[in-house]
Amino acid sequence: MNNKKPLNYVRTLRRRWALTQKELADLLGFENRACISRIEQDKRIPSLESALALEVLFGVAPRAMFPRVYAETEEEVMRMALHLYEATFHSSSLQQQRKRQALDLALKRATKSSEAKGV
């Protein structure tokens, strides 16, 4: 029995809705089913428009539909946010203080998210 989690849930949702790859491709405005196949196999990350179209259709947020992509993106953005946050300590200007506060909120949100996931 294979207990591996899928890299994304497009295939699962498509099949739950009894749609073929061609039908889903047509709904998203793709010329053929190959685009859907590549997305399902995690060989292609959908465009923002496609991810939002999938959310409209299936009612599932892109972050839940593409958990691996979301996790990788979150990790990279938070790494860069931490770097910028640390760089703001060299200045006491009001602008840098506001930037520090905003980045602090983002970093706390990411920390809570990681703790909730058990990471």
Protein backbone atom coordinates (compact mmCIF):
# COMPACT_ATOMS: atom_id res chain seq x y z
CA MET A 1 0.00 0.00 0.00
CA ASN A 2 1.35 3.40 -1.01
CA ASN A 3 0.97 5.98 1.80
CA LYS A 4 2.94 8.72 0.05
CA LYS A 5 1.21 12.08 -0.03
CA PRO A 6 0.77 13.54 -3.50
CA LEU A 7 2.82 16.59 -4.40
CA ASN A 8 -0.42 18.28 -5.40
CA TYR A 9 -4.09 17.41 -5.37
CA VAL A 10 -5.16 18.37 -8.89
CA ARG A 11 -5.54 14.78 -10.08
CA THR A 12 -7.48 13.83 -6.95
CA LEU A 13 -9.87 16.75 -7.35
CA ARG A 14 -10.25 16.24 -11.10
CA ARG A 15 -11.13 12.59 -10.62
CA ARG A 16 -13.49 13.37 -7.74
CA TRP A 17 -15.35 15.64 -10.16
CA ALA A 18 -15.23 12.91 -12.85
CA LEU A 19 -13.43 15.23 -15.27
CA THR A 20 -10.98 14.07 -17.91
CA GLN A 21 -7.69 15.89 -18.35
CA LYS A 22 -9.04 17.25 -21.64
CA GLU A 23 -12.20 18.59 -19.97
CA LEU A 24 -10.18 20.30 -17.24
CA ALA A 25 -7.79 21.69 -19.85
CA ASP A 26 -10.79 23.12 -21.72
CA LEU A 27 -12.18 24.67 -18.53
CA LEU A 28 -8.84 26.36 -17.85
CA GLY A 29 -8.38 27.50 -21.45
CA PHE A 30 -5.47 25.20 -22.31
CA GLU A 31 -5.10 23.93 -25.87
CA ASN A 32 -4.65 20.30 -24.85
CA ARG A 33 -4.57 17.91 -21.90
CA ALA A 34 -0.76 17.80 -21.76
CA CYS A 35 -0.66 20.93 -19.58
CA ILE A 36 -2.93 19.26 -17.02
CA SER A 37 -0.85 16.08 -17.13
CA ARG A 38 2.35 18.05 -16.42
CA ILE A 39 0.69 19.90 -13.52
CA GLU A 40 -0.63 16.66 -12.04
CA GLN A 41 2.80 15.00 -12.32
CA ASP A 42 4.43 18.05 -10.69
CA LYS A 43 6.46 18.72 -13.83
CA ARG A 44 4.91 22.17 -14.18
CA ILE A 45 3.78 24.76 -11.66
CA PRO A 46 0.53 26.35 -12.80
CA SER A 47 0.38 30.06 -13.50
CA LEU A 48 -1.32 32.27 -10.95
CA GLU A 49 -4.34 32.50 -13.24
CA SER A 50 -4.55 28.71 -13.54
CA ALA A 51 -4.18 28.19 -9.80
CA LEU A 52 -6.94 30.71 -9.15
CA ALA A 53 -9.13 29.09 -11.82
CA LEU A 54 -8.64 25.74 -10.08
CA GLU A 55 -9.69 27.36 -6.80
CA VAL A 56 -12.80 28.82 -8.46
CA LEU A 57 -13.68 25.43 -9.91
CA PHE A 58 -12.86 23.11 -7.01
CA GLY A 59 -13.24 25.48 -4.05
CA VAL A 60 -9.79 24.60 -2.72
CA ALA A 61 -7.17 27.28 -2.05
CA PRO A 62 -3.92 26.96 -4.04
CA ARG A 63 -1.89 26.59 -0.83
CA ALA A 64 -3.91 23.46 0.01
CA MET A 65 -3.94 22.17 -3.56
CA PHE A 66 -0.15 22.58 -3.97
CA PRO A 67 1.24 22.02 -0.45
CA ARG A 68 4.83 21.30 -1.51
CA VAL A 69 5.09 24.41 -3.66
CA TYR A 70 3.55 26.47 -0.88
CA ALA A 71 5.95 25.09 1.74
CA GLU A 72 9.00 25.69 -0.45
CA THR A 73 7.84 29.22 -1.28
CA GLU A 74 7.10 30.00 2.36
CA GLU A 75 10.51 28.77 3.46
CA GLU A 76 12.37 30.83 0.84
CA VAL A 77 10.38 34.02 1.46
CA MET A 78 10.80 33.71 5.23
CA ARG A 79 14.54 33.14 4.83
CA MET A 80 14.78 36.36 2.82
CA ALA A 81 12.45 38.20 5.24
CA LEU A 82 14.67 37.22 8.17
CA HIS A 83 17.72 38.52 6.31
CA LEU A 84 15.99 41.84 5.61
CA TYR A 85 14.70 42.01 9.19
CA GLU A 86 18.21 41.61 10.55
CA ALA A 87 19.49 44.28 8.14
CA THR A 88 17.01 46.84 9.51
CA PHE A 89 18.73 46.90 12.90
CA HIS A 90 21.46 49.13 11.49
CA SER A 91 19.08 52.05 11.24
CA SER A 92 16.66 53.66 13.66
CA SER A 93 14.66 55.59 11.08
CA LEU A 94 10.88 55.49 11.29
CA GLN A 95 10.73 53.75 7.92
CA GLN A 96 13.09 50.99 9.09
CA GLN A 97 11.12 50.59 12.33
CA ARG A 98 7.89 50.15 10.35
CA LYS A 99 9.61 47.66 8.06
CA ARG A 100 10.94 45.74 11.08
CA GLN A 101 7.45 45.59 12.62
CA ALA A 102 5.87 44.29 9.41
CA LEU A 103 8.60 41.70 8.91
CA ASP A 104 8.31 40.67 12.56
CA LEU A 105 4.60 39.95 12.06
CA ALA A 106 5.32 37.89 8.93
CA LEU A 107 8.03 35.90 10.70
CA LYS A 108 5.76 35.22 13.70
CA ARG A 109 2.99 34.07 11.36
CA ALA A 110 5.38 31.67 9.64
CA THR A 111 6.63 30.38 13.00
CA LYS A 112 3.05 29.70 14.15
CA SER A 113 2.32 27.97 10.86
CA SER A 114 5.40 25.74 11.24
CA GLU A 115 4.53 24.92 14.84
CA ALA A 116 0.97 24.02 13.84
CA LYS A 117 2.36 21.64 11.20
CA GLY A 118 4.70 20.09 13.76
CA VAL A 119 7.84 21.23 11.96
